[in-house]
Amino acid sequence: GPAWYVSLINNVRNHGPGSQQKANPHEADSCFGKVIEGFDTDVQRIRKVPGQGFLNDRGMWVLINKMQIMVPESDGKYVDWAPSQ
């Protein structure tokens, strides 16, 4: 689906190749991204939430109000992503 989440652990066992279905041992959930701004604040807030796994209690959610897809340029600086024309 269109949902995304921040994972703080290695999820290869649960979401890696062959973990979702036996019919296609190569299918896996995509894992991508890197926090380039807000790691020291936002990710640390997520770490402090009690419990494990998915949170059904919306009162415990750490809301991320903005997410921007960025890509690295050859010099290592990140720029806003734009679809190819």
PDB file of N, CA and C in Angstrom:
ATOM      1  N   GLY A   1       0.806  -1.189   0.000  1.00  0.00           N
ATOM      2  CA  GLY A   1       0.000   0.000   0.000  1.00  0.00           C
ATOM      3  C   GLY A   1       0.848   1.250   0.000  1.00  0.00           C
ATOM      4  N   PRO A   2       0.217   2.390   0.112  1.00  0.00           N
ATOM      5  CA  PRO A   2       0.923   3.659   0.054  1.00  0.00           C
ATOM      6  C   PRO A   2       1.550   4.076   1.377  1.00  0.00           C
ATOM      7  N   ALA A   3       1.430   3.257   2.404  1.00  0.00           N
ATOM      8  CA  ALA A   3       1.953   3.639   3.714  1.00  0.00           C
ATOM      9  C   ALA A   3       3.470   3.484   3.761  1.00  0.00           C
ATOM     10  N   TRP A   4       4.097   4.213   4.640  1.00  0.00           N
ATOM     11  CA  TRP A   4       5.523   4.072   4.884  1.00  0.00           C
ATOM     12  C   TRP A   4       5.742   4.236   6.372  1.00  0.00           C
ATOM     13  N   TYR A   5       6.876   3.789   6.833  1.00  0.00           N
ATOM     14  CA  TYR A   5       7.179   3.882   8.251  1.00  0.00           C
ATOM     15  C   TYR A   5       8.683   3.976   8.441  1.00  0.00           C
ATOM     16  N   VAL A   6       9.061   4.398   9.627  1.00  0.00           N
ATOM     17  CA  VAL A   6      10.464   4.444  10.002  1.00  0.00           C
ATOM     18  C   VAL A   6      10.738   3.219  10.843  1.00  0.00           C
ATOM     19  N   SER A   7      11.716   2.441  10.441  1.00  0.00           N
ATOM     20  CA  SER A   7      12.091   1.252  11.194  1.00  0.00           C
ATOM     21  C   SER A   7      13.412   1.505  11.894  1.00  0.00           C
ATOM     22  N   LEU A   8      13.488   1.074  13.133  1.00  0.00           N
ATOM     23  CA  LEU A   8      14.711   1.261  13.901  1.00  0.00           C
ATOM     24  C   LEU A   8      15.517  -0.023  14.019  1.00  0.00           C
ATOM     25  N   ILE A   9      15.042  -1.096  13.378  1.00  0.00           N
ATOM     26  CA  ILE A   9      15.728  -2.379  13.464  1.00  0.00           C
ATOM     27  C   ILE A   9      15.900  -2.976  12.071  1.00  0.00           C
ATOM     28  N   ASN A  10      16.685  -4.010  11.967  1.00  0.00           N
ATOM     29  CA  ASN A  10      16.869  -4.735  10.719  1.00  0.00           C
ATOM     30  C   ASN A  10      15.623  -5.602  10.493  1.00  0.00           C
ATOM     31  N   ASN A  11      14.887  -5.342   9.419  1.00  0.00           N
ATOM     32  CA  ASN A  11      13.638  -6.051   9.137  1.00  0.00           C
ATOM     33  C   ASN A  11      13.752  -7.086   8.021  1.00  0.00           C
ATOM     34  N   VAL A  12      14.959  -7.520   7.695  1.00  0.00           N
ATOM     35  CA  VAL A  12      15.140  -8.467   6.596  1.00  0.00           C
ATOM     36  C   VAL A  12      14.332  -9.737   6.829  1.00  0.00           C
ATOM     37  N   ARG A  13      14.313 -10.230   8.042  1.00  0.00           N
ATOM     38  CA  ARG A  13      13.600 -11.478   8.342  1.00  0.00           C
ATOM     39  C   ARG A  13      12.094 -11.354   8.083  1.00  0.00           C
ATOM     40  N   ASN A  14      11.515 -10.229   8.447  1.00  0.00           N
ATOM     41  CA  ASN A  14      10.070 -10.027   8.288  1.00  0.00           C
ATOM     42  C   ASN A  14       9.670  -9.466   6.937  1.00  0.00           C
ATOM     43  N   HIS A  15      10.565  -8.729   6.310  1.00  0.00           N
ATOM     44  CA  HIS A  15      10.196  -8.036   5.076  1.00  0.00           C
ATOM     45  C   HIS A  15      11.151  -8.284   3.925  1.00  0.00           C
ATOM     46  N   GLY A  16      12.147  -9.127   4.117  1.00  0.00           N
ATOM     47  CA  GLY A  16      13.121  -9.415   3.067  1.00  0.00           C
ATOM     48  C   GLY A  16      12.610 -10.445   2.080  1.00  0.00           C
ATOM     49  N   PRO A  17      13.454 -10.807   1.131  1.00  0.00           N
ATOM     50  CA  PRO A  17      13.058 -11.776   0.098  1.00  0.00           C
ATOM     51  C   PRO A  17      12.494 -13.070   0.683  1.00  0.00           C
ATOM     52  N   GLY A  18      11.337 -13.470   0.167  1.00  0.00           N
ATOM     53  CA  GLY A  18      10.697 -14.708   0.589  1.00  0.00           C
ATOM     54  C   GLY A  18       9.911 -14.627   1.878  1.00  0.00           C
ATOM     55  N   SER A  19       9.881 -13.491   2.527  1.00  0.00           N
ATOM     56  CA  SER A  19       9.190 -13.393   3.814  1.00  0.00           C
ATOM     57  C   SER A  19       7.691 -13.149   3.681  1.00  0.00           C
ATOM     58  N   GLN A  20       7.247 -12.665   2.537  1.00  0.00           N
ATOM     59  CA  GLN A  20       5.849 -12.292   2.374  1.00  0.00           C
ATOM     60  C   GLN A  20       4.988 -13.395   1.772  1.00  0.00           C
ATOM     61  N   GLN A  21       5.595 -14.264   0.999  1.00  0.00           N
ATOM     62  CA  GLN A  21       4.824 -15.327   0.358  1.00  0.00           C
ATOM     63  C   GLN A  21       5.756 -16.443  -0.089  1.00  0.00           C
ATOM     64  N   LYS A  22       5.247 -17.640  -0.132  1.00  0.00           N
ATOM     65  CA  LYS A  22       6.057 -18.774  -0.576  1.00  0.00           C
ATOM     66  C   LYS A  22       6.057 -18.903  -2.105  1.00  0.00           C
ATOM     67  N   ALA A  23       5.021 -18.378  -2.762  1.00  0.00           N
ATOM     68  CA  ALA A  23       4.905 -18.508  -4.215  1.00  0.00           C
ATOM     69  C   ALA A  23       6.021 -17.762  -4.948  1.00  0.00           C
ATOM     70  N   ASN A  24       6.498 -16.684  -4.389  1.00  0.00           N
ATOM     71  CA  ASN A  24       7.565 -15.906  -5.017  1.00  0.00           C
ATOM     72  C   ASN A  24       8.639 -15.636  -3.968  1.00  0.00           C
ATOM     73  N   PRO A  25       9.665 -16.482  -3.903  1.00  0.00           N
ATOM     74  CA  PRO A  25      10.692 -16.314  -2.867  1.00  0.00           C
ATOM     75  C   PRO A  25      11.575 -15.084  -3.054  1.00  0.00           C
ATOM     76  N   HIS A  26      11.384 -14.355  -4.143  1.00  0.00           N
ATOM     77  CA  HIS A  26      12.207 -13.175  -4.394  1.00  0.00           C
ATOM     78  C   HIS A  26      11.498 -11.874  -4.017  1.00  0.00           C
ATOM     79  N   GLU A  27      10.183 -11.937  -3.820  1.00  0.00           N
ATOM     80  CA  GLU A  27       9.445 -10.711  -3.511  1.00  0.00           C
ATOM     81  C   GLU A  27       9.761 -10.248  -2.100  1.00  0.00           C
ATOM     82  N   ALA A  28       9.886  -8.948  -1.941  1.00  0.00           N
ATOM     83  CA  ALA A  28      10.158  -8.353  -0.637  1.00  0.00           C
ATOM     84  C   ALA A  28       9.597  -6.938  -0.606  1.00  0.00           C
ATOM     85  N   ASP A  29       9.400  -6.419   0.598  1.00  0.00           N
ATOM     86  CA  ASP A  29       9.030  -5.014   0.736  1.00  0.00           C
ATOM     87  C   ASP A  29      10.268  -4.176   0.436  1.00  0.00           C
ATOM     88  N   SER A  30      10.046  -3.046  -0.185  1.00  0.00           N
ATOM     89  CA  SER A  30      11.194  -2.180  -0.462  1.00  0.00           C
ATOM     90  C   SER A  30      11.651  -1.509   0.832  1.00  0.00           C
ATOM     91  N   CYS A  31      12.912  -1.302   0.918  1.00  0.00           N
ATOM     92  CA  CYS A  31      13.501  -0.614   2.065  1.00  0.00           C
ATOM     93  C   CYS A  31      14.399   0.459   1.486  1.00  0.00           C
ATOM     94  N   PHE A  32      14.103   1.673   1.799  1.00  0.00           N
ATOM     95  CA  PHE A  32      14.864   2.754   1.199  1.00  0.00           C
ATOM     96  C   PHE A  32      14.853   3.947   2.129  1.00  0.00           C
ATOM     97  N   GLY A  33      15.719   4.843   1.865  1.00  0.00           N
ATOM     98  CA  GLY A  33      15.698   6.129   2.547  1.00  0.00           C
ATOM     99  C   GLY A  33      16.763   6.289   3.606  1.00  0.00           C
ATOM    100  N   LYS A  34      17.001   7.528   3.896  1.00  0.00           N
ATOM    101  CA  LYS A  34      17.975   7.910   4.896  1.00  0.00           C
ATOM    102  C   LYS A  34      17.490   9.225   5.483  1.00  0.00           C
ATOM    103  N   VAL A  35      17.482   9.327   6.778  1.00  0.00           N
ATOM    104  CA  VAL A  35      17.097  10.582   7.426  1.00  0.00           C
ATOM    105  C   VAL A  35      18.297  11.514   7.319  1.00  0.00           C
ATOM    106  N   ILE A  36      18.123  12.625   6.600  1.00  0.00           N
ATOM    107  CA  ILE A  36      19.239  13.558   6.444  1.00  0.00           C
ATOM    108  C   ILE A  36      19.026  14.837   7.246  1.00  0.00           C
ATOM    109  N   GLU A  37      17.841  15.008   7.794  1.00  0.00           N
ATOM    110  CA  GLU A  37      17.569  16.150   8.665  1.00  0.00           C
ATOM    111  C   GLU A  37      16.541  15.711   9.694  1.00  0.00           C
ATOM    112  N   GLY A  38      16.774  16.022  10.935  1.00  0.00           N
ATOM    113  CA  GLY A  38      15.829  15.654  11.981  1.00  0.00           C
ATOM    114  C   GLY A  38      16.152  14.357  12.688  1.00  0.00           C
ATOM    115  N   PHE A  39      17.274  13.728  12.352  1.00  0.00           N
ATOM    116  CA  PHE A  39      17.612  12.447  12.982  1.00  0.00           C
ATOM    117  C   PHE A  39      17.743  12.602  14.489  1.00  0.00           C
ATOM    118  N   ASP A  40      18.438  13.642  14.924  1.00  0.00           N
ATOM    119  CA  ASP A  40      18.689  13.812  16.352  1.00  0.00           C
ATOM    120  C   ASP A  40      17.433  14.150  17.141  1.00  0.00           C
ATOM    121  N   THR A  41      16.407  14.638  16.469  1.00  0.00           N
ATOM    122  CA  THR A  41      15.178  14.984  17.182  1.00  0.00           C
ATOM    123  C   THR A  41      14.063  13.983  16.906  1.00  0.00           C
ATOM    124  N   ASP A  42      13.685  13.825  15.667  1.00  0.00           N
ATOM    125  CA  ASP A  42      12.530  13.003  15.324  1.00  0.00           C
ATOM    126  C   ASP A  42      12.759  11.512  15.554  1.00  0.00           C
ATOM    127  N   VAL A  43      13.878  10.982  15.086  1.00  0.00           N
ATOM    128  CA  VAL A  43      14.131   9.553  15.256  1.00  0.00           C
ATOM    129  C   VAL A  43      14.311   9.224  16.732  1.00  0.00           C
ATOM    130  N   GLN A  44      14.923  10.109  17.475  1.00  0.00           N
ATOM    131  CA  GLN A  44      15.090   9.863  18.911  1.00  0.00           C
ATOM    132  C   GLN A  44      13.744   9.887  19.636  1.00  0.00           C
ATOM    133  N   ARG A  45      12.810  10.712  19.166  1.00  0.00           N
ATOM    134  CA  ARG A  45      11.448  10.693  19.740  1.00  0.00           C
ATOM    135  C   ARG A  45      10.787   9.352  19.474  1.00  0.00           C
ATOM    136  N   ILE A  46      11.004   8.790  18.290  1.00  0.00           N
ATOM    137  CA  ILE A  46      10.436   7.486  17.956  1.00  0.00           C
ATOM    138  C   ILE A  46      11.036   6.422  18.866  1.00  0.00           C
ATOM    139  N   ARG A  47      12.327   6.482  19.105  1.00  0.00           N
ATOM    140  CA  ARG A  47      12.993   5.502  19.980  1.00  0.00           C
ATOM    141  C   ARG A  47      12.407   5.496  21.392  1.00  0.00           C
ATOM    142  N   LYS A  48      11.933   6.637  21.862  1.00  0.00           N
ATOM    143  CA  LYS A  48      11.435   6.760  23.238  1.00  0.00           C
ATOM    144  C   LYS A  48      10.008   6.271  23.420  1.00  0.00           C
ATOM    145  N   VAL A  49       9.296   5.981  22.329  1.00  0.00           N
ATOM    146  CA  VAL A  49       7.909   5.511  22.443  1.00  0.00           C
ATOM    147  C   VAL A  49       7.926   4.111  23.047  1.00  0.00           C
ATOM    148  N   PRO A  50       7.162   3.889  24.127  1.00  0.00           N
ATOM    149  CA  PRO A  50       7.147   2.562  24.741  1.00  0.00           C
ATOM    150  C   PRO A  50       6.434   1.538  23.855  1.00  0.00           C
ATOM    151  N   GLY A  51       6.835   0.286  23.978  1.00  0.00           N
ATOM    152  CA  GLY A  51       6.195  -0.781  23.229  1.00  0.00           C
ATOM    153  C   GLY A  51       7.023  -1.179  22.023  1.00  0.00           C
ATOM    154  N   GLN A  52       6.504  -2.163  21.300  1.00  0.00           N
ATOM    155  CA  GLN A  52       7.182  -2.666  20.114  1.00  0.00           C
ATOM    156  C   GLN A  52       6.157  -2.887  19.015  1.00  0.00           C
ATOM    157  N   GLY A  53       6.639  -2.940  17.785  1.00  0.00           N
ATOM    158  CA  GLY A  53       5.760  -3.231  16.658  1.00  0.00           C
ATOM    159  C   GLY A  53       4.906  -2.043  16.276  1.00  0.00           C
ATOM    160  N   PHE A  54       3.818  -2.349  15.580  1.00  0.00           N
ATOM    161  CA  PHE A  54       2.924  -1.295  15.116  1.00  0.00           C
ATOM    162  C   PHE A  54       2.085  -0.781  16.279  1.00  0.00           C
ATOM    163  N   LEU A  55       1.848   0.513  16.297  1.00  0.00           N
ATOM    164  CA  LEU A  55       1.098   1.144  17.380  1.00  0.00           C
ATOM    165  C   LEU A  55      -0.317   1.446  16.932  1.00  0.00           C
ATOM    166  N   ASN A  56      -1.280   0.829  17.579  1.00  0.00           N
ATOM    167  CA  ASN A  56      -2.681   1.104  17.271  1.00  0.00           C
ATOM    168  C   ASN A  56      -3.194   2.337  17.996  1.00  0.00           C
ATOM    169  N   ASP A  57      -2.537   2.709  19.080  1.00  0.00           N
ATOM    170  CA  ASP A  57      -2.948   3.869  19.872  1.00  0.00           C
ATOM    171  C   ASP A  57      -2.388   5.133  19.225  1.00  0.00           C
ATOM    172  N   ARG A  58      -3.247   5.886  18.557  1.00  0.00           N
ATOM    173  CA  ARG A  58      -2.799   7.094  17.857  1.00  0.00           C
ATOM    174  C   ARG A  58      -2.172   8.113  18.794  1.00  0.00           C
ATOM    175  N   GLY A  59      -2.504   8.052  20.075  1.00  0.00           N
ATOM    176  CA  GLY A  59      -1.916   8.971  21.045  1.00  0.00           C
ATOM    177  C   GLY A  59      -0.422   8.751  21.227  1.00  0.00           C
ATOM    178  N   MET A  60       0.070   7.586  20.806  1.00  0.00           N
ATOM    179  CA  MET A  60       1.498   7.278  20.942  1.00  0.00           C
ATOM    180  C   MET A  60       2.277   7.529  19.652  1.00  0.00           C
ATOM    181  N   TRP A  61       1.598   7.864  18.594  1.00  0.00           N
ATOM    182  CA  TRP A  61       2.264   8.068  17.308  1.00  0.00           C
ATOM    183  C   TRP A  61       3.162   9.294  17.351  1.00  0.00           C
ATOM    184  N   VAL A  62       4.268   9.231  16.656  1.00  0.00           N
ATOM    185  CA  VAL A  62       5.117  10.397  16.414  1.00  0.00           C
ATOM    186  C   VAL A  62       4.781  10.840  14.998  1.00  0.00           C
ATOM    187  N   LEU A  63       4.105  11.952  14.882  1.00  0.00           N
ATOM    188  CA  LEU A  63       3.671  12.419  13.571  1.00  0.00           C
ATOM    189  C   LEU A  63       4.792  13.146  12.848  1.00  0.00           C
ATOM    190  N   ILE A  64       4.971  12.798  11.607  1.00  0.00           N
ATOM    191  CA  ILE A  64       5.938  13.469  10.752  1.00  0.00           C
ATOM    192  C   ILE A  64       5.120  14.326   9.797  1.00  0.00           C
ATOM    193  N   ASN A  65       5.193  15.623   9.983  1.00  0.00           N
ATOM    194  CA  ASN A  65       4.351  16.549   9.229  1.00  0.00           C
ATOM    195  C   ASN A  65       4.812  16.782   7.808  1.00  0.00           C
ATOM    196  N   LYS A  66       6.067  16.531   7.535  1.00  0.00           N
ATOM    197  CA  LYS A  66       6.572  16.755   6.182  1.00  0.00           C
ATOM    198  C   LYS A  66       7.653  15.732   5.885  1.00  0.00           C
ATOM    199  N   MET A  67       7.568  15.191   4.682  1.00  0.00           N
ATOM    200  CA  MET A  67       8.595  14.298   4.197  1.00  0.00           C
ATOM    201  C   MET A  67       8.907  14.722   2.776  1.00  0.00           C
ATOM    202  N   GLN A  68      10.160  14.797   2.445  1.00  0.00           N
ATOM    203  CA  GLN A  68      10.568  15.226   1.115  1.00  0.00           C
ATOM    204  C   GLN A  68      11.498  14.170   0.540  1.00  0.00           C
ATOM    205  N   ILE A  69      11.249  13.778  -0.675  1.00  0.00           N
ATOM    206  CA  ILE A  69      12.140  12.836  -1.346  1.00  0.00           C
ATOM    207  C   ILE A  69      13.288  13.637  -1.946  1.00  0.00           C
ATOM    208  N   MET A  70      14.494  13.266  -1.553  1.00  0.00           N
ATOM    209  CA  MET A  70      15.684  13.944  -2.045  1.00  0.00           C
ATOM    210  C   MET A  70      16.655  12.896  -2.567  1.00  0.00           C
ATOM    211  N   VAL A  71      17.503  13.301  -3.474  1.00  0.00           N
ATOM    212  CA  VAL A  71      18.495  12.386  -4.053  1.00  0.00           C
ATOM    213  C   VAL A  71      19.871  13.039  -3.970  1.00  0.00           C
ATOM    214  N   PRO A  72      20.910  12.211  -3.829  1.00  0.00           N
ATOM    215  CA  PRO A  72      22.257  12.791  -3.767  1.00  0.00           C
ATOM    216  C   PRO A  72      22.766  13.134  -5.156  1.00  0.00           C
ATOM    217  N   GLU A  73      23.446  14.259  -5.246  1.00  0.00           N
ATOM    218  CA  GLU A  73      24.130  14.622  -6.483  1.00  0.00           C
ATOM    219  C   GLU A  73      25.530  14.018  -6.442  1.00  0.00           C
ATOM    220  N   SER A  74      26.278  14.165  -7.528  1.00  0.00           N
ATOM    221  CA  SER A  74      27.610  13.575  -7.608  1.00  0.00           C
ATOM    222  C   SER A  74      28.556  14.121  -6.541  1.00  0.00           C
ATOM    223  N   ASP A  75      28.292  15.344  -6.051  1.00  0.00           N
ATOM    224  CA  ASP A  75      29.154  15.919  -5.012  1.00  0.00           C
ATOM    225  C   ASP A  75      28.719  15.523  -3.604  1.00  0.00           C
ATOM    226  N   GLY A  76      27.647  14.684  -3.508  1.00  0.00           N
ATOM    227  CA  GLY A  76      27.187  14.215  -2.212  1.00  0.00           C
ATOM    228  C   GLY A  76      26.118  15.071  -1.570  1.00  0.00           C
ATOM    229  N   LYS A  77      25.850  16.244  -2.124  1.00  0.00           N
ATOM    230  CA  LYS A  77      24.788  17.104  -1.585  1.00  0.00           C
ATOM    231  C   LYS A  77      23.439  16.574  -2.053  1.00  0.00           C
ATOM    232  N   TYR A  78      22.429  16.752  -1.206  1.00  0.00           N
ATOM    233  CA  TYR A  78      21.082  16.289  -1.547  1.00  0.00           C
ATOM    234  C   TYR A  78      20.261  17.404  -2.173  1.00  0.00           C
ATOM    235  N   VAL A  79      19.476  17.035  -3.189  1.00  0.00           N
ATOM    236  CA  VAL A  79      18.587  17.978  -3.860  1.00  0.00           C
ATOM    237  C   VAL A  79      17.201  17.354  -3.955  1.00  0.00           C
ATOM    238  N   ASP A  80      16.187  18.194  -4.100  1.00  0.00           N
ATOM    239  CA  ASP A  80      14.821  17.691  -4.237  1.00  0.00           C
ATOM    240  C   ASP A  80      14.718  16.786  -5.455  1.00  0.00           C
ATOM    241  N   TRP A  81      14.028  15.672  -5.293  1.00  0.00           N
ATOM    242  CA  TRP A  81      13.813  14.749  -6.392  1.00  0.00           C
ATOM    243  C   TRP A  81      12.709  15.296  -7.297  1.00  0.00           C
ATOM    244  N   ALA A  82      12.856  15.082  -8.588  1.00  0.00           N
ATOM    245  CA  ALA A  82      11.835  15.440  -9.560  1.00  0.00           C
ATOM    246  C   ALA A  82      11.732  14.293 -10.566  1.00  0.00           C
ATOM    247  N   PRO A  83      10.515  13.956 -10.983  1.00  0.00           N
ATOM    248  CA  PRO A  83      10.380  12.862 -11.972  1.00  0.00           C
ATOM    249  C   PRO A  83      11.052  13.237 -13.276  1.00  0.00           C
ATOM    250  N   SER A  84      11.564  12.226 -13.965  1.00  0.00           N
ATOM    251  CA  SER A  84      12.205  12.468 -15.264  1.00  0.00           C
ATOM    252  C   SER A  84      11.161  12.939 -16.257  1.00  0.00           C
ATOM    253  N   GLN A  85      11.560  13.842 -17.099  1.00  0.00           N
ATOM    254  CA  GLN A  85      10.651  14.394 -18.110  1.00  0.00           C
ATOM    255  C   GLN A  85      10.750  13.582 -19.378  1.00  0.00           C
TER     256      GLN A  85
END
